[in-house]
Amino acid sequence: MNPILAVLKEHNVTDAQTKDVFQALTDNPLMAMATIQALGIPQEKLQPVMFAVMQNPQLIKEAVDELGLDFSKVEAAKAAVQEASQK
């Protein structure tokens, strides 16, 4: 299982909440952080996952694929964030 999804499952995050997190990532990555924090997962559990994602961004695509979501929306959101940060 994808390590991102494994941590969410370990903390009893429902499938609906998991999809909400990844939907937030596709719509507005900055708002996704608020959604993730609202899940109540301890910081010490989130940090290793965030580090793994930074080292291997492919983990997000794998999780999105596993959830059956549209990865092209993740790419579009990422491009929008990069564009906004360059202004």
C-alpha atoms as a PDB file:
ATOM      1  CA  MET A   1       0.000   0.000   0.000  1.00  0.00           C
ATOM      2  CA  ASN A   2       1.117   3.532  -0.715  1.00  0.00           C
ATOM      3  CA  PRO A   3       2.786   5.017   2.422  1.00  0.00           C
ATOM      4  CA  ILE A   4       0.583   8.114   2.288  1.00  0.00           C
ATOM      5  CA  LEU A   5      -2.561   6.015   2.253  1.00  0.00           C
ATOM      6  CA  ALA A   6      -1.112   3.686   4.909  1.00  0.00           C
ATOM      7  CA  VAL A   7      -0.637   6.560   7.388  1.00  0.00           C
ATOM      8  CA  LEU A   8      -4.166   7.799   6.720  1.00  0.00           C
ATOM      9  CA  LYS A   9      -5.586   4.296   7.281  1.00  0.00           C
ATOM     10  CA  GLU A  10      -3.466   3.853  10.428  1.00  0.00           C
ATOM     11  CA  HIS A  11      -5.179   6.908  11.890  1.00  0.00           C
ATOM     12  CA  ASN A  12      -8.671   5.750  10.955  1.00  0.00           C
ATOM     13  CA  VAL A  13      -9.120   8.325   8.221  1.00  0.00           C
ATOM     14  CA  THR A  14     -12.150   7.262   6.218  1.00  0.00           C
ATOM     15  CA  ASP A  15     -12.068   6.673   2.470  1.00  0.00           C
ATOM     16  CA  ALA A  16     -14.227   9.772   2.035  1.00  0.00           C
ATOM     17  CA  GLN A  17     -11.793  11.891   4.062  1.00  0.00           C
ATOM     18  CA  THR A  18      -8.859  10.462   2.098  1.00  0.00           C
ATOM     19  CA  LYS A  19     -10.510  11.405  -1.178  1.00  0.00           C
ATOM     20  CA  ASP A  20     -11.212  14.870   0.268  1.00  0.00           C
ATOM     21  CA  VAL A  21      -7.495  15.299   1.021  1.00  0.00           C
ATOM     22  CA  PHE A  22      -6.482  14.362  -2.500  1.00  0.00           C
ATOM     23  CA  GLN A  23      -9.300  16.411  -3.998  1.00  0.00           C
ATOM     24  CA  ALA A  24      -7.997  19.386  -1.995  1.00  0.00           C
ATOM     25  CA  LEU A  25      -4.518  18.670  -3.365  1.00  0.00           C
ATOM     26  CA  THR A  26      -5.887  18.843  -6.898  1.00  0.00           C
ATOM     27  CA  ASP A  27      -8.000  21.949  -6.326  1.00  0.00           C
ATOM     28  CA  ASN A  28      -5.779  24.020  -4.049  1.00  0.00           C
ATOM     29  CA  PRO A  29      -2.604  22.492  -2.594  1.00  0.00           C
ATOM     30  CA  LEU A  30      -2.304  25.239   0.025  1.00  0.00           C
ATOM     31  CA  MET A  31      -5.781  24.472   1.338  1.00  0.00           C
ATOM     32  CA  ALA A  32      -4.895  20.772   1.392  1.00  0.00           C
ATOM     33  CA  MET A  33      -2.588  21.429   4.328  1.00  0.00           C
ATOM     34  CA  ALA A  34      -5.531  22.716   6.374  1.00  0.00           C
ATOM     35  CA  THR A  35      -7.532  19.646   5.389  1.00  0.00           C
ATOM     36  CA  ILE A  36      -4.666  17.355   6.441  1.00  0.00           C
ATOM     37  CA  GLN A  37      -4.192  19.171   9.762  1.00  0.00           C
ATOM     38  CA  ALA A  38      -7.910  18.833  10.497  1.00  0.00           C
ATOM     39  CA  LEU A  39      -7.538  15.033  10.424  1.00  0.00           C
ATOM     40  CA  GLY A  40      -5.696  15.155  13.751  1.00  0.00           C
ATOM     41  CA  ILE A  41      -2.740  13.008  12.703  1.00  0.00           C
ATOM     42  CA  PRO A  42       0.223  13.642  15.026  1.00  0.00           C
ATOM     43  CA  GLN A  43       3.002  15.722  13.490  1.00  0.00           C
ATOM     44  CA  GLU A  44       5.582  12.999  14.172  1.00  0.00           C
ATOM     45  CA  LYS A  45       3.569  10.658  11.927  1.00  0.00           C
ATOM     46  CA  LEU A  46       3.096  13.219   9.142  1.00  0.00           C
ATOM     47  CA  GLN A  47       6.718  14.365   8.923  1.00  0.00           C
ATOM     48  CA  PRO A  48       8.167  11.059   7.639  1.00  0.00           C
ATOM     49  CA  VAL A  49       5.423  10.863   4.996  1.00  0.00           C
ATOM     50  CA  MET A  50       6.046  14.461   3.894  1.00  0.00           C
ATOM     51  CA  PHE A  51       9.779  13.723   3.692  1.00  0.00           C
ATOM     52  CA  ALA A  52       9.112  10.598   1.608  1.00  0.00           C
ATOM     53  CA  VAL A  53       6.877  12.602  -0.753  1.00  0.00           C
ATOM     54  CA  MET A  54       9.561  15.284  -1.144  1.00  0.00           C
ATOM     55  CA  GLN A  55      12.101  12.603  -2.030  1.00  0.00           C
ATOM     56  CA  ASN A  56       9.693  10.688  -4.252  1.00  0.00           C
ATOM     57  CA  PRO A  57       6.830  12.844  -5.599  1.00  0.00           C
ATOM     58  CA  GLN A  58       5.690   9.791  -7.576  1.00  0.00           C
ATOM     59  CA  LEU A  59       4.032   8.631  -4.320  1.00  0.00           C
ATOM     60  CA  ILE A  60       1.311  11.236  -4.829  1.00  0.00           C
ATOM     61  CA  LYS A  61       0.604   9.958  -8.334  1.00  0.00           C
ATOM     62  CA  GLU A  62       0.491   6.380  -7.036  1.00  0.00           C
ATOM     63  CA  ALA A  63      -1.967   7.367  -4.300  1.00  0.00           C
ATOM     64  CA  VAL A  64      -4.133   9.327  -6.742  1.00  0.00           C
ATOM     65  CA  ASP A  65      -4.145   6.350  -9.128  1.00  0.00           C
ATOM     66  CA  GLU A  66      -4.998   3.978  -6.264  1.00  0.00           C
ATOM     67  CA  LEU A  67      -7.933   6.229  -5.350  1.00  0.00           C
ATOM     68  CA  GLY A  68      -9.088   6.449  -8.967  1.00  0.00           C
ATOM     69  CA  LEU A  69      -8.708  10.237  -9.186  1.00  0.00           C
ATOM     70  CA  ASP A  70      -7.464  12.348 -12.122  1.00  0.00           C
ATOM     71  CA  PHE A  71      -3.716  12.987 -11.785  1.00  0.00           C
ATOM     72  CA  SER A  72      -3.775  15.661 -14.503  1.00  0.00           C
ATOM     73  CA  LYS A  73      -5.632  17.884 -12.029  1.00  0.00           C
ATOM     74  CA  VAL A  74      -2.786  17.419  -9.521  1.00  0.00           C
ATOM     75  CA  GLU A  75      -0.300  18.498 -12.189  1.00  0.00           C
ATOM     76  CA  ALA A  76      -2.419  21.549 -13.078  1.00  0.00           C
ATOM     77  CA  ALA A  77      -2.663  22.558  -9.410  1.00  0.00           C
ATOM     78  CA  LYS A  78       1.094  22.159  -8.986  1.00  0.00           C
ATOM     79  CA  ALA A  79       1.730  24.363 -12.031  1.00  0.00           C
ATOM     80  CA  ALA A  80      -0.651  27.019 -10.686  1.00  0.00           C
ATOM     81  CA  VAL A  81       1.164  27.075  -7.331  1.00  0.00           C
ATOM     82  CA  GLN A  82       4.555  27.354  -9.040  1.00  0.00           C
ATOM     83  CA  GLU A  83       3.280  30.176 -11.241  1.00  0.00           C
ATOM     84  CA  ALA A  84       1.839  32.050  -8.265  1.00  0.00           C
ATOM     85  CA  SER A  85       5.090  31.706  -6.313  1.00  0.00           C
ATOM     86  CA  GLN A  86       7.071  33.224  -9.186  1.00  0.00           C
ATOM     87  CA  LYS A  87       5.024  36.439  -9.211  1.00  0.00           C
END
